[in-house]
Amino acid sequence: MPLNRNRRLLEKMDVKVYVLTPTTTKSSVTGGPKVGLTENGPYWASMEYLSRKQMEIEVSTRITSIQQIRFRFRYTADLWGEINKAGSLKITDPGEQIFNIISVSKDTGRFQFIELIAELKE
């Protein structure tokens, strides 16, 4: 990847993102497993909407809009491990939004960036 393109990508990383990983703990009341979410981060990422038009689906007799978004992170081994365990992302800057991760990929060769596709259901 050319150096100028890398600089342009780094300049666009202006969104603070937290990676939510599921954790299982023992419940103090029942003794059974209790699933929670651990917040890791913050990480800086660029955010790009993939389509201008939102899709709509019907879930339990309710219309739900879906928006797909591409996030790009600077590659680190710790972040790569957390994203592979994670099921969702949280963005707190413009308002708290939680995105479900659809796919994750990284640059082959130099390992400079992590790219993931996530969706927001409203």
PDB file of N, CA and C in Angstrom:
ATOM      1  N   MET A   1       0.841  -1.173   0.000  1.00  0.00           N
ATOM      2  CA  MET A   1       0.000   0.000   0.000  1.00  0.00           C
ATOM      3  C   MET A   1       0.891   1.242   0.000  1.00  0.00           C
ATOM      4  N   PRO A   2       0.656   2.201  -0.864  1.00  0.00           N
ATOM      5  CA  PRO A   2       1.494   3.400  -0.923  1.00  0.00           C
ATOM      6  C   PRO A   2       1.415   4.209   0.365  1.00  0.00           C
ATOM      7  N   LEU A   3       2.508   4.886   0.669  1.00  0.00           N
ATOM      8  CA  LEU A   3       2.602   5.655   1.897  1.00  0.00           C
ATOM      9  C   LEU A   3       1.563   6.767   1.950  1.00  0.00           C
ATOM     10  N   ASN A   4       1.303   7.441   0.836  1.00  0.00           N
ATOM     11  CA  ASN A   4       0.314   8.521   0.824  1.00  0.00           C
ATOM     12  C   ASN A   4      -1.077   8.010   1.170  1.00  0.00           C
ATOM     13  N   ARG A   5      -1.426   6.826   0.679  1.00  0.00           N
ATOM     14  CA  ARG A   5      -2.747   6.271   0.988  1.00  0.00           C
ATOM     15  C   ARG A   5      -2.842   5.914   2.469  1.00  0.00           C
ATOM     16  N   ASN A   6      -1.757   5.399   3.047  1.00  0.00           N
ATOM     17  CA  ASN A   6      -1.754   5.092   4.474  1.00  0.00           C
ATOM     18  C   ASN A   6      -1.967   6.347   5.308  1.00  0.00           C
ATOM     19  N   ARG A   7      -1.343   7.437   4.923  1.00  0.00           N
ATOM     20  CA  ARG A   7      -1.511   8.691   5.658  1.00  0.00           C
ATOM     21  C   ARG A   7      -2.950   9.178   5.588  1.00  0.00           C
ATOM     22  N   ARG A   8      -3.556   9.049   4.413  1.00  0.00           N
ATOM     23  CA  ARG A   8      -4.953   9.468   4.286  1.00  0.00           C
ATOM     24  C   ARG A   8      -5.866   8.608   5.152  1.00  0.00           C
ATOM     25  N   LEU A   9      -5.602   7.302   5.223  1.00  0.00           N
ATOM     26  CA  LEU A   9      -6.410   6.430   6.074  1.00  0.00           C
ATOM     27  C   LEU A   9      -6.227   6.767   7.551  1.00  0.00           C
ATOM     28  N   LEU A  10      -5.005   7.055   7.955  1.00  0.00           N
ATOM     29  CA  LEU A  10      -4.746   7.387   9.353  1.00  0.00           C
ATOM     30  C   LEU A  10      -5.399   8.707   9.750  1.00  0.00           C
ATOM     31  N   GLU A  11      -5.467   9.660   8.831  1.00  0.00           N
ATOM     32  CA  GLU A  11      -6.111  10.932   9.124  1.00  0.00           C
ATOM     33  C   GLU A  11      -7.606  10.768   9.371  1.00  0.00           C
ATOM     34  N   LYS A  12      -8.223   9.761   8.764  1.00  0.00           N
ATOM     35  CA  LYS A  12      -9.661   9.555   8.899  1.00  0.00           C
ATOM     36  C   LYS A  12     -10.038   8.770  10.156  1.00  0.00           C
ATOM     37  N   MET A  13      -9.061   8.280  10.903  1.00  0.00           N
ATOM     38  CA  MET A  13      -9.354   7.507  12.116  1.00  0.00           C
ATOM     39  C   MET A  13      -9.683   8.463  13.251  1.00  0.00           C
ATOM     40  N   ASP A  14     -10.960   8.874  13.305  1.00  0.00           N
ATOM     41  CA  ASP A  14     -11.380   9.885  14.264  1.00  0.00           C
ATOM     42  C   ASP A  14     -12.552   9.442  15.131  1.00  0.00           C
ATOM     43  N   VAL A  15     -12.884   8.161  15.101  1.00  0.00           N
ATOM     44  CA  VAL A  15     -13.999   7.653  15.894  1.00  0.00           C
ATOM     45  C   VAL A  15     -13.437   6.772  17.008  1.00  0.00           C
ATOM     46  N   LYS A  16     -13.850   7.046  18.237  1.00  0.00           N
ATOM     47  CA  LYS A  16     -13.397   6.261  19.380  1.00  0.00           C
ATOM     48  C   LYS A  16     -14.319   5.054  19.539  1.00  0.00           C
ATOM     49  N   VAL A  17     -13.734   3.840  19.464  1.00  0.00           N
ATOM     50  CA  VAL A  17     -14.507   2.597  19.456  1.00  0.00           C
ATOM     51  C   VAL A  17     -14.069   1.721  20.618  1.00  0.00           C
ATOM     52  N   TYR A  18     -15.041   1.101  21.279  1.00  0.00           N
ATOM     53  CA  TYR A  18     -14.775   0.113  22.320  1.00  0.00           C
ATOM     54  C   TYR A  18     -15.185  -1.250  21.789  1.00  0.00           C
ATOM     55  N   VAL A  19     -14.361  -2.265  22.020  1.00  0.00           N
ATOM     56  CA  VAL A  19     -14.660  -3.628  21.589  1.00  0.00           C
ATOM     57  C   VAL A  19     -15.295  -4.342  22.769  1.00  0.00           C
ATOM     58  N   LEU A  20     -16.484  -4.910  22.558  1.00  0.00           N
ATOM     59  CA  LEU A  20     -17.201  -5.614  23.611  1.00  0.00           C
ATOM     60  C   LEU A  20     -16.993  -7.118  23.455  1.00  0.00           C
ATOM     61  N   THR A  21     -16.360  -7.742  24.450  1.00  0.00           N
ATOM     62  CA  THR A  21     -16.146  -9.186  24.403  1.00  0.00           C
ATOM     63  C   THR A  21     -17.004  -9.849  25.477  1.00  0.00           C
ATOM     64  N   PRO A  22     -17.629 -10.976  25.154  1.00  0.00           N
ATOM     65  CA  PRO A  22     -18.461 -11.659  26.146  1.00  0.00           C
ATOM     66  C   PRO A  22     -17.604 -12.353  27.209  1.00  0.00           C
ATOM     67  N   THR A  23     -18.043 -12.252  28.456  1.00  0.00           N
ATOM     68  CA  THR A  23     -17.373 -12.925  29.563  1.00  0.00           C
ATOM     69  C   THR A  23     -18.400 -13.726  30.349  1.00  0.00           C
ATOM     70  N   THR A  24     -17.971 -14.828  30.926  1.00  0.00           N
ATOM     71  CA  THR A  24     -18.851 -15.668  31.735  1.00  0.00           C
ATOM     72  C   THR A  24     -18.318 -15.690  33.157  1.00  0.00           C
ATOM     73  N   THR A  25     -19.173 -15.333  34.103  1.00  0.00           N
ATOM     74  CA  THR A  25     -18.823 -15.364  35.511  1.00  0.00           C
ATOM     75  C   THR A  25     -19.838 -16.210  36.260  1.00  0.00           C
ATOM     76  N   LYS A  26     -19.524 -16.543  37.488  1.00  0.00           N
ATOM     77  CA  LYS A  26     -20.425 -17.339  38.314  1.00  0.00           C
ATOM     78  C   LYS A  26     -21.370 -16.407  39.062  1.00  0.00           C
ATOM     79  N   SER A  27     -22.657 -16.664  38.963  1.00  0.00           N
ATOM     80  CA  SER A  27     -23.659 -15.852  39.630  1.00  0.00           C
ATOM     81  C   SER A  27     -23.598 -16.083  41.134  1.00  0.00           C
ATOM     82  N   SER A  28     -23.649 -15.001  41.909  1.00  0.00           N
ATOM     83  CA  SER A  28     -23.588 -15.126  43.367  1.00  0.00           C
ATOM     84  C   SER A  28     -24.905 -15.626  43.957  1.00  0.00           C
ATOM     85  N   VAL A  29     -25.992 -15.462  43.217  1.00  0.00           N
ATOM     86  CA  VAL A  29     -27.308 -15.859  43.718  1.00  0.00           C
ATOM     87  C   VAL A  29     -27.585 -17.328  43.422  1.00  0.00           C
ATOM     88  N   THR A  30     -27.486 -17.718  42.166  1.00  0.00           N
ATOM     89  CA  THR A  30     -27.849 -19.081  41.775  1.00  0.00           C
ATOM     90  C   THR A  30     -26.654 -20.000  41.608  1.00  0.00           C
ATOM     91  N   GLY A  31     -25.466 -19.450  41.448  1.00  0.00           N
ATOM     92  CA  GLY A  31     -24.281 -20.266  41.229  1.00  0.00           C
ATOM     93  C   GLY A  31     -24.095 -20.686  39.783  1.00  0.00           C
ATOM     94  N   GLY A  32     -25.023 -20.348  38.937  1.00  0.00           N
ATOM     95  CA  GLY A  32     -24.939 -20.694  37.523  1.00  0.00           C
ATOM     96  C   GLY A  32     -24.123 -19.680  36.755  1.00  0.00           C
ATOM     97  N   PRO A  33     -23.880 -19.951  35.487  1.00  0.00           N
ATOM     98  CA  PRO A  33     -23.100 -19.009  34.681  1.00  0.00           C
ATOM     99  C   PRO A  33     -23.891 -17.740  34.378  1.00  0.00           C
ATOM    100  N   LYS A  34     -23.188 -16.627  34.411  1.00  0.00           N
ATOM    101  CA  LYS A  34     -23.776 -15.321  34.115  1.00  0.00           C
ATOM    102  C   LYS A  34     -22.950 -14.687  33.006  1.00  0.00           C
ATOM    103  N   VAL A  35     -23.595 -14.354  31.902  1.00  0.00           N
ATOM    104  CA  VAL A  35     -22.886 -13.790  30.755  1.00  0.00           C
ATOM    105  C   VAL A  35     -22.937 -12.269  30.823  1.00  0.00           C
ATOM    106  N   GLY A  36     -21.773 -11.654  30.648  1.00  0.00           N
ATOM    107  CA  GLY A  36     -21.681 -10.200  30.643  1.00  0.00           C
ATOM    108  C   GLY A  36     -20.791  -9.746  29.502  1.00  0.00           C
ATOM    109  N   LEU A  37     -20.620  -8.449  29.393  1.00  0.00           N
ATOM    110  CA  LEU A  37     -19.761  -7.882  28.354  1.00  0.00           C
ATOM    111  C   LEU A  37     -18.646  -7.079  28.998  1.00  0.00           C
ATOM    112  N   THR A  38     -17.432  -7.292  28.501  1.00  0.00           N
ATOM    113  CA  THR A  38     -16.275  -6.524  28.950  1.00  0.00           C
ATOM    114  C   THR A  38     -15.909  -5.526  27.869  1.00  0.00           C
ATOM    115  N   GLU A  39     -15.690  -4.294  28.281  1.00  0.00           N
ATOM    116  CA  GLU A  39     -15.371  -3.207  27.354  1.00  0.00           C
ATOM    117  C   GLU A  39     -13.857  -3.067  27.260  1.00  0.00           C
ATOM    118  N   ASN A  40     -13.307  -3.219  26.064  1.00  0.00           N
ATOM    119  CA  ASN A  40     -11.875  -3.062  25.829  1.00  0.00           C
ATOM    120  C   ASN A  40     -11.654  -1.847  24.939  1.00  0.00           C
ATOM    121  N   GLY A  41     -10.669  -1.056  25.257  1.00  0.00           N
ATOM    122  CA  GLY A  41     -10.400   0.097  24.413  1.00  0.00           C
ATOM    123  C   GLY A  41     -10.125   1.314  25.250  1.00  0.00           C
ATOM    124  N   PRO A  42     -10.238   2.473  24.698  1.00  0.00           N
ATOM    125  CA  PRO A  42     -10.750   2.822  23.378  1.00  0.00           C
ATOM    126  C   PRO A  42      -9.698   2.634  22.293  1.00  0.00           C
ATOM    127  N   TYR A  43     -10.185   2.392  21.088  1.00  0.00           N
ATOM    128  CA  TYR A  43      -9.372   2.287  19.890  1.00  0.00           C
ATOM    129  C   TYR A  43      -9.884   3.326  18.902  1.00  0.00           C
ATOM    130  N   TRP A  44      -8.983   3.874  18.110  1.00  0.00           N
ATOM    131  CA  TRP A  44      -9.368   4.844  17.090  1.00  0.00           C
ATOM    132  C   TRP A  44      -9.590   4.119  15.772  1.00  0.00           C
ATOM    133  N   ALA A  45     -10.655   4.462  15.090  1.00  0.00           N
ATOM    134  CA  ALA A  45     -10.996   3.802  13.831  1.00  0.00           C
ATOM    135  C   ALA A  45     -11.597   4.812  12.870  1.00  0.00           C
ATOM    136  N   SER A  46     -11.581   4.442  11.593  1.00  0.00           N
ATOM    137  CA  SER A  46     -12.322   5.217  10.604  1.00  0.00           C
ATOM    138  C   SER A  46     -13.636   4.492  10.371  1.00  0.00           C
ATOM    139  N   MET A  47     -14.655   5.253  10.066  1.00  0.00           N
ATOM    140  CA  MET A  47     -16.007   4.707   9.917  1.00  0.00           C
ATOM    141  C   MET A  47     -16.550   5.145   8.565  1.00  0.00           C
ATOM    142  N   GLU A  48     -17.032   4.179   7.775  1.00  0.00           N
ATOM    143  CA  GLU A  48     -17.524   4.484   6.433  1.00  0.00           C
ATOM    144  C   GLU A  48     -18.829   3.720   6.214  1.00  0.00           C
ATOM    145  N   TYR A  49     -19.877   4.439   5.866  1.00  0.00           N
ATOM    146  CA  TYR A  49     -21.155   3.803   5.568  1.00  0.00           C
ATOM    147  C   TYR A  49     -21.079   3.168   4.188  1.00  0.00           C
ATOM    148  N   LEU A  50     -21.477   1.901   4.081  1.00  0.00           N
ATOM    149  CA  LEU A  50     -21.328   1.179   2.828  1.00  0.00           C
ATOM    150  C   LEU A  50     -22.426   1.470   1.830  1.00  0.00           C
ATOM    151  N   SER A  51     -23.605   1.776   2.285  1.00  0.00           N
ATOM    152  CA  SER A  51     -24.685   2.080   1.352  1.00  0.00           C
ATOM    153  C   SER A  51     -25.409   3.329   1.822  1.00  0.00           C
ATOM    154  N   ARG A  52     -25.843   4.096   0.878  1.00  0.00           N
ATOM    155  CA  ARG A  52     -26.593   5.301   1.230  1.00  0.00           C
ATOM    156  C   ARG A  52     -28.021   4.972   1.633  1.00  0.00           C
ATOM    157  N   LYS A  53     -28.516   3.870   1.132  1.00  0.00           N
ATOM    158  CA  LYS A  53     -29.894   3.483   1.404  1.00  0.00           C
ATOM    159  C   LYS A  53     -29.905   2.418   2.497  1.00  0.00           C
ATOM    160  N   GLN A  54     -30.730   2.605   3.490  1.00  0.00           N
ATOM    161  CA  GLN A  54     -30.837   1.621   4.551  1.00  0.00           C
ATOM    162  C   GLN A  54     -31.775   0.503   4.130  1.00  0.00           C
ATOM    163  N   MET A  55     -31.454  -0.718   4.559  1.00  0.00           N
ATOM    164  CA  MET A  55     -32.336  -1.854   4.311  1.00  0.00           C
ATOM    165  C   MET A  55     -33.344  -1.927   5.443  1.00  0.00           C
ATOM    166  N   GLU A  56     -34.482  -2.491   5.166  1.00  0.00           N
ATOM    167  CA  GLU A  56     -35.486  -2.681   6.198  1.00  0.00           C
ATOM    168  C   GLU A  56     -35.935  -4.128   6.187  1.00  0.00           C
ATOM    169  N   ILE A  57     -36.058  -4.714   7.383  1.00  0.00           N
ATOM    170  CA  ILE A  57     -36.570  -6.069   7.514  1.00  0.00           C
ATOM    171  C   ILE A  57     -37.673  -6.065   8.560  1.00  0.00           C
ATOM    172  N   GLU A  58     -38.478  -7.108   8.537  1.00  0.00           N
ATOM    173  CA  GLU A  58     -39.550  -7.220   9.506  1.00  0.00           C
ATOM    174  C   GLU A  58     -39.143  -8.231  10.570  1.00  0.00           C
ATOM    175  N   VAL A  59     -39.080  -7.764  11.809  1.00  0.00           N
ATOM    176  CA  VAL A  59     -38.724  -8.612  12.934  1.00  0.00           C
ATOM    177  C   VAL A  59     -39.868  -8.548  13.935  1.00  0.00           C
ATOM    178  N   SER A  60     -40.540  -9.672  14.137  1.00  0.00           N
ATOM    179  CA  SER A  60     -41.648  -9.757  15.094  1.00  0.00           C
ATOM    180  C   SER A  60     -42.682  -8.660  14.850  1.00  0.00           C
ATOM    181  N   THR A  61     -43.155  -8.575  13.638  1.00  0.00           N
ATOM    182  CA  THR A  61     -44.176  -7.606  13.198  1.00  0.00           C
ATOM    183  C   THR A  61     -43.736  -6.157  13.400  1.00  0.00           C
ATOM    184  N   ARG A  62     -42.452  -5.907  13.382  1.00  0.00           N
ATOM    185  CA  ARG A  62     -41.927  -4.556  13.510  1.00  0.00           C
ATOM    186  C   ARG A  62     -40.895  -4.324  12.414  1.00  0.00           C
ATOM    187  N   ILE A  63     -40.957  -3.205  11.755  1.00  0.00           N
ATOM    188  CA  ILE A  63     -39.991  -2.872  10.712  1.00  0.00           C
ATOM    189  C   ILE A  63     -38.713  -2.363  11.381  1.00  0.00           C
ATOM    190  N   THR A  64     -37.589  -2.978  11.025  1.00  0.00           N
ATOM    191  CA  THR A  64     -36.293  -2.615  11.587  1.00  0.00           C
ATOM    192  C   THR A  64     -35.369  -2.198  10.461  1.00  0.00           C
ATOM    193  N   SER A  65     -34.715  -1.065  10.606  1.00  0.00           N
ATOM    194  CA  SER A  65     -33.758  -0.625   9.579  1.00  0.00           C
ATOM    195  C   SER A  65     -32.368  -1.151   9.927  1.00  0.00           C
ATOM    196  N   ILE A  66     -31.618  -1.504   8.890  1.00  0.00           N
ATOM    197  CA  ILE A  66     -30.272  -2.030   9.056  1.00  0.00           C
ATOM    198  C   ILE A  66     -29.316  -1.186   8.216  1.00  0.00           C
ATOM    199  N   GLN A  67     -28.240  -0.755   8.824  1.00  0.00           N
ATOM    200  CA  GLN A  67     -27.212   0.019   8.131  1.00  0.00           C
ATOM    201  C   GLN A  67     -25.883  -0.704   8.290  1.00  0.00           C
ATOM    202  N   GLN A  68     -25.173  -0.953   7.179  1.00  0.00           N
ATOM    203  CA  GLN A  68     -23.865  -1.602   7.246  1.00  0.00           C
ATOM    204  C   GLN A  68     -22.767  -0.552   7.193  1.00  0.00           C
ATOM    205  N   ILE A  69     -21.759  -0.750   8.058  1.00  0.00           N
ATOM    206  CA  ILE A  69     -20.674   0.203   8.208  1.00  0.00           C
ATOM    207  C   ILE A  69     -19.345  -0.534   8.175  1.00  0.00           C
ATOM    208  N   ARG A  70     -18.324   0.061   7.531  1.00  0.00           N
ATOM    209  CA  ARG A  70     -16.975  -0.496   7.518  1.00  0.00           C
ATOM    210  C   ARG A  70     -16.123   0.292   8.508  1.00  0.00           C
ATOM    211  N   PHE A  71     -15.449  -0.422   9.402  1.00  0.00           N
ATOM    212  CA  PHE A  71     -14.511   0.171  10.342  1.00  0.00           C
ATOM    213  C   PHE A  71     -13.109  -0.266   9.954  1.00  0.00           C
ATOM    214  N   ARG A  72     -12.148   0.651  10.034  1.00  0.00           N
ATOM    215  CA  ARG A  72     -10.734   0.324   9.805  1.00  0.00           C
ATOM    216  C   ARG A  72      -9.947   0.739  11.036  1.00  0.00           C
ATOM    217  N   PHE A  73      -9.154  -0.198  11.556  1.00  0.00           N
ATOM    218  CA  PHE A  73      -8.303   0.023  12.719  1.00  0.00           C
ATOM    219  C   PHE A  73      -6.848  -0.134  12.312  1.00  0.00           C
ATOM    220  N   ARG A  74      -5.956   0.443  13.053  1.00  0.00           N
ATOM    221  CA  ARG A  74      -4.532   0.181  12.907  1.00  0.00           C
ATOM    222  C   ARG A  74      -4.271  -1.194  13.506  1.00  0.00           C
ATOM    223  N   TYR A  75      -3.503  -2.040  12.833  1.00  0.00           N
ATOM    224  CA  TYR A  75      -3.303  -3.420  13.282  1.00  0.00           C
ATOM    225  C   TYR A  75      -2.400  -3.486  14.508  1.00  0.00           C
ATOM    226  N   THR A  76      -2.861  -4.189  15.545  1.00  0.00           N
ATOM    227  CA  THR A  76      -2.038  -4.637  16.664  1.00  0.00           C
ATOM    228  C   THR A  76      -2.482  -6.060  16.978  1.00  0.00           C
ATOM    229  N   ALA A  77      -1.574  -6.855  17.490  1.00  0.00           N
ATOM    230  CA  ALA A  77      -1.904  -8.255  17.796  1.00  0.00           C
ATOM    231  C   ALA A  77      -2.966  -8.335  18.893  1.00  0.00           C
ATOM    232  N   ASP A  78      -2.913  -7.435  19.882  1.00  0.00           N
ATOM    233  CA  ASP A  78      -3.911  -7.437  20.953  1.00  0.00           C
ATOM    234  C   ASP A  78      -5.302  -7.133  20.417  1.00  0.00           C
ATOM    235  N   LEU A  79      -5.393  -6.115  19.577  1.00  0.00           N
ATOM    236  CA  LEU A  79      -6.684  -5.753  18.998  1.00  0.00           C
ATOM    237  C   LEU A  79      -7.219  -6.871  18.114  1.00  0.00           C
ATOM    238  N   TRP A  80      -6.357  -7.514  17.334  1.00  0.00           N
ATOM    239  CA  TRP A  80      -6.779  -8.621  16.469  1.00  0.00           C
ATOM    240  C   TRP A  80      -7.368  -9.758  17.310  1.00  0.00           C
ATOM    241  N   GLY A  81      -6.745 -10.087  18.441  1.00  0.00           N
ATOM    242  CA  GLY A  81      -7.257 -11.133  19.321  1.00  0.00           C
ATOM    243  C   GLY A  81      -8.591 -10.768  19.944  1.00  0.00           C
ATOM    244  N   GLU A  82      -8.739  -9.511  20.357  1.00  0.00           N
ATOM    245  CA  GLU A  82      -9.995  -9.070  20.966  1.00  0.00           C
ATOM    246  C   GLU A  82     -11.137  -9.055  19.961  1.00  0.00           C
ATOM    247  N   ILE A  83     -10.879  -8.586  18.746  1.00  0.00           N
ATOM    248  CA  ILE A  83     -11.937  -8.521  17.740  1.00  0.00           C
ATOM    249  C   ILE A  83     -12.399  -9.916  17.344  1.00  0.00           C
ATOM    250  N   ASN A  84     -11.482 -10.885  17.281  1.00  0.00           N
ATOM    251  CA  ASN A  84     -11.884 -12.244  16.918  1.00  0.00           C
ATOM    252  C   ASN A  84     -12.750 -12.896  17.991  1.00  0.00           C
ATOM    253  N   LYS A  85     -12.625 -12.488  19.253  1.00  0.00           N
ATOM    254  CA  LYS A  85     -13.474 -13.012  20.324  1.00  0.00           C
ATOM    255  C   LYS A  85     -14.771 -12.221  20.455  1.00  0.00           C
ATOM    256  N   ALA A  86     -14.773 -11.004  19.945  1.00  0.00           N
ATOM    257  CA  ALA A  86     -15.888 -10.086  20.165  1.00  0.00           C
ATOM    258  C   ALA A  86     -17.066 -10.396  19.253  1.00  0.00           C
ATOM    259  N   GLY A  87     -18.219  -9.948  19.668  1.00  0.00           N
ATOM    260  CA  GLY A  87     -19.401 -10.067  18.846  1.00  0.00           C
ATOM    261  C   GLY A  87     -19.988  -8.711  18.503  1.00  0.00           C
ATOM    262  N   SER A  88     -19.513  -7.660  19.195  1.00  0.00           N
ATOM    263  CA  SER A  88     -20.091  -6.349  18.945  1.00  0.00           C
ATOM    264  C   SER A  88     -19.095  -5.243  19.283  1.00  0.00           C
ATOM    265  N   LEU A  89     -19.390  -4.058  18.786  1.00  0.00           N
ATOM    266  CA  LEU A  89     -18.601  -2.856  19.026  1.00  0.00           C
ATOM    267  C   LEU A  89     -19.504  -1.805  19.642  1.00  0.00           C
ATOM    268  N   LYS A  90     -18.913  -0.890  20.407  1.00  0.00           N
ATOM    269  CA  LYS A  90     -19.690   0.206  20.969  1.00  0.00           C
ATOM    270  C   LYS A  90     -18.992   1.509  20.637  1.00  0.00           C
ATOM    271  N   ILE A  91     -19.763   2.463  20.161  1.00  0.00           N
ATOM    272  CA  ILE A  91     -19.253   3.798  19.873  1.00  0.00           C
ATOM    273  C   ILE A  91     -19.971   4.762  20.805  1.00  0.00           C
ATOM    274  N   THR A  92     -19.214   5.597  21.500  1.00  0.00           N
ATOM    275  CA  THR A  92     -19.830   6.471  22.498  1.00  0.00           C
ATOM    276  C   THR A  92     -19.838   7.941  22.109  1.00  0.00           C
ATOM    277  N   ASP A  93     -19.097   8.339  21.075  1.00  0.00           N
ATOM    278  CA  ASP A  93     -18.937   9.765  20.793  1.00  0.00           C
ATOM    279  C   ASP A  93     -20.221  10.495  20.410  1.00  0.00           C
ATOM    280  N   PRO A  94     -20.859  10.183  19.260  1.00  0.00           N
ATOM    281  CA  PRO A  94     -22.054  10.958  18.929  1.00  0.00           C
ATOM    282  C   PRO A  94     -23.264  10.555  19.765  1.00  0.00           C
ATOM    283  N   GLY A  95     -23.233   9.407  20.374  1.00  0.00           N
ATOM    284  CA  GLY A  95     -24.311   8.836  21.161  1.00  0.00           C
ATOM    285  C   GLY A  95     -23.998   7.363  21.256  1.00  0.00           C
ATOM    286  N   GLU A  96     -24.415   6.725  22.308  1.00  0.00           N
ATOM    287  CA  GLU A  96     -24.027   5.329  22.487  1.00  0.00           C
ATOM    288  C   GLU A  96     -24.745   4.426  21.488  1.00  0.00           C
ATOM    289  N   GLN A  97     -23.977   3.807  20.602  1.00  0.00           N
ATOM    290  CA  GLN A  97     -24.512   2.894  19.603  1.00  0.00           C
ATOM    291  C   GLN A  97     -23.741   1.593  19.672  1.00  0.00           C
ATOM    292  N   ILE A  98     -24.452   0.469  19.538  1.00  0.00           N
ATOM    293  CA  ILE A  98     -23.802  -0.835  19.551  1.00  0.00           C
ATOM    294  C   ILE A  98     -23.998  -1.480  18.195  1.00  0.00           C
ATOM    295  N   PHE A  99     -22.896  -1.909  17.586  1.00  0.00           N
ATOM    296  CA  PHE A  99     -22.876  -2.512  16.259  1.00  0.00           C
ATOM    297  C   PHE A  99     -22.565  -3.990  16.379  1.00  0.00           C
ATOM    298  N   ASN A 100     -23.227  -4.827  15.604  1.00  0.00           N
ATOM    299  CA  ASN A 100     -22.933  -6.258  15.546  1.00  0.00           C
ATOM    300  C   ASN A 100     -21.918  -6.502  14.441  1.00  0.00           C
ATOM    301  N   ILE A 101     -20.869  -7.270  14.748  1.00  0.00           N
ATOM    302  CA  ILE A 101     -19.813  -7.546  13.778  1.00  0.00           C
ATOM    303  C   ILE A 101     -20.269  -8.638  12.825  1.00  0.00           C
ATOM    304  N   ILE A 102     -20.129  -8.395  11.515  1.00  0.00           N
ATOM    305  CA  ILE A 102     -20.489  -9.377  10.494  1.00  0.00           C
ATOM    306  C   ILE A 102     -19.249 -10.109   9.998  1.00  0.00           C
ATOM    307  N   SER A 103     -18.204  -9.369   9.612  1.00  0.00           N
ATOM    308  CA  SER A 103     -16.987  -9.999   9.092  1.00  0.00           C
ATOM    309  C   SER A 103     -15.765  -9.194   9.503  1.00  0.00           C
ATOM    310  N   VAL A 104     -14.630  -9.907   9.617  1.00  0.00           N
ATOM    311  CA  VAL A 104     -13.367  -9.295  10.011  1.00  0.00           C
ATOM    312  C   VAL A 104     -12.291  -9.764   9.041  1.00  0.00           C
ATOM    313  N   SER A 105     -11.438  -8.846   8.607  1.00  0.00           N
ATOM    314  CA  SER A 105     -10.304  -9.223   7.756  1.00  0.00           C
ATOM    315  C   SER A 105      -9.135  -8.310   8.079  1.00  0.00           C
ATOM    316  N   LYS A 106      -7.929  -8.775   7.726  1.00  0.00           N
ATOM    317  CA  LYS A 106      -6.737  -7.949   7.924  1.00  0.00           C
ATOM    318  C   LYS A 106      -5.927  -7.952   6.644  1.00  0.00           C
ATOM    319  N   ASP A 107      -5.050  -6.958   6.539  1.00  0.00           N
ATOM    320  CA  ASP A 107      -4.164  -6.898   5.374  1.00  0.00           C
ATOM    321  C   ASP A 107      -3.278  -8.130   5.349  1.00  0.00           C
ATOM    322  N   THR A 108      -3.157  -8.748   4.196  1.00  0.00           N
ATOM    323  CA  THR A 108      -2.194  -9.829   4.077  1.00  0.00           C
ATOM    324  C   THR A 108      -0.853  -9.222   3.704  1.00  0.00           C
ATOM    325  N   GLY A 109       0.185  -9.745   4.262  1.00  0.00           N
ATOM    326  CA  GLY A 109       1.509  -9.231   3.963  1.00  0.00           C
ATOM    327  C   GLY A 109       2.052  -8.382   5.083  1.00  0.00           C
ATOM    328  N   ARG A 110       1.696  -7.118   5.126  1.00  0.00           N
ATOM    329  CA  ARG A 110       2.320  -6.203   6.081  1.00  0.00           C
ATOM    330  C   ARG A 110       1.568  -6.064   7.400  1.00  0.00           C
ATOM    331  N   PHE A 111       0.345  -6.499   7.480  1.00  0.00           N
ATOM    332  CA  PHE A 111      -0.474  -6.382   8.703  1.00  0.00           C
ATOM    333  C   PHE A 111      -0.532  -4.944   9.205  1.00  0.00           C
ATOM    334  N   GLN A 112      -1.047  -4.059   8.360  1.00  0.00           N
ATOM    335  CA  GLN A 112      -1.118  -2.658   8.742  1.00  0.00           C
ATOM    336  C   GLN A 112      -2.482  -2.271   9.293  1.00  0.00           C
ATOM    337  N   PHE A 113      -3.540  -2.839   8.722  1.00  0.00           N
ATOM    338  CA  PHE A 113      -4.884  -2.435   9.122  1.00  0.00           C
ATOM    339  C   PHE A 113      -5.772  -3.646   9.352  1.00  0.00           C
ATOM    340  N   ILE A 114      -6.766  -3.474  10.218  1.00  0.00           N
ATOM    341  CA  ILE A 114      -7.828  -4.450  10.419  1.00  0.00           C
ATOM    342  C   ILE A 114      -9.093  -3.804   9.888  1.00  0.00           C
ATOM    343  N   GLU A 115      -9.819  -4.525   9.077  1.00  0.00           N
ATOM    344  CA  GLU A 115     -11.048  -4.001   8.498  1.00  0.00           C
ATOM    345  C   GLU A 115     -12.187  -4.910   8.907  1.00  0.00           C
ATOM    346  N   LEU A 116     -13.263  -4.327   9.397  1.00  0.00           N
ATOM    347  CA  LEU A 116     -14.417  -5.140   9.732  1.00  0.00           C
ATOM    348  C   LEU A 116     -15.692  -4.481   9.261  1.00  0.00           C
ATOM    349  N   ILE A 117     -16.656  -5.328   8.964  1.00  0.00           N
ATOM    350  CA  ILE A 117     -17.984  -4.869   8.547  1.00  0.00           C
ATOM    351  C   ILE A 117     -18.927  -5.136   9.704  1.00  0.00           C
ATOM    352  N   ALA A 118     -19.692  -4.125  10.073  1.00  0.00           N
ATOM    353  CA  ALA A 118     -20.637  -4.257  11.167  1.00  0.00           C
ATOM    354  C   ALA A 118     -21.983  -3.701  10.724  1.00  0.00           C
ATOM    355  N   GLU A 119     -23.031  -4.094  11.438  1.00  0.00           N
ATOM    356  CA  GLU A 119     -24.348  -3.560  11.114  1.00  0.00           C
ATOM    357  C   GLU A 119     -24.996  -2.974  12.356  1.00  0.00           C
ATOM    358  N   LEU A 120     -25.800  -1.956  12.112  1.00  0.00           N
ATOM    359  CA  LEU A 120     -26.534  -1.271  13.164  1.00  0.00           C
ATOM    360  C   LEU A 120     -28.005  -1.492  12.902  1.00  0.00           C
ATOM    361  N   LYS A 121     -28.694  -2.072  13.880  1.00  0.00           N
ATOM    362  CA  LYS A 121     -30.138  -2.277  13.757  1.00  0.00           C
ATOM    363  C   LYS A 121     -30.844  -1.260  14.645  1.00  0.00           C
ATOM    364  N   GLU A 122     -31.834  -0.608  14.070  1.00  0.00           N
ATOM    365  CA  GLU A 122     -32.600   0.385  14.816  1.00  0.00           C
ATOM    366  C   GLU A 122     -34.063   0.034  14.802  1.00  0.00           C
TER     367      GLU A 122
END
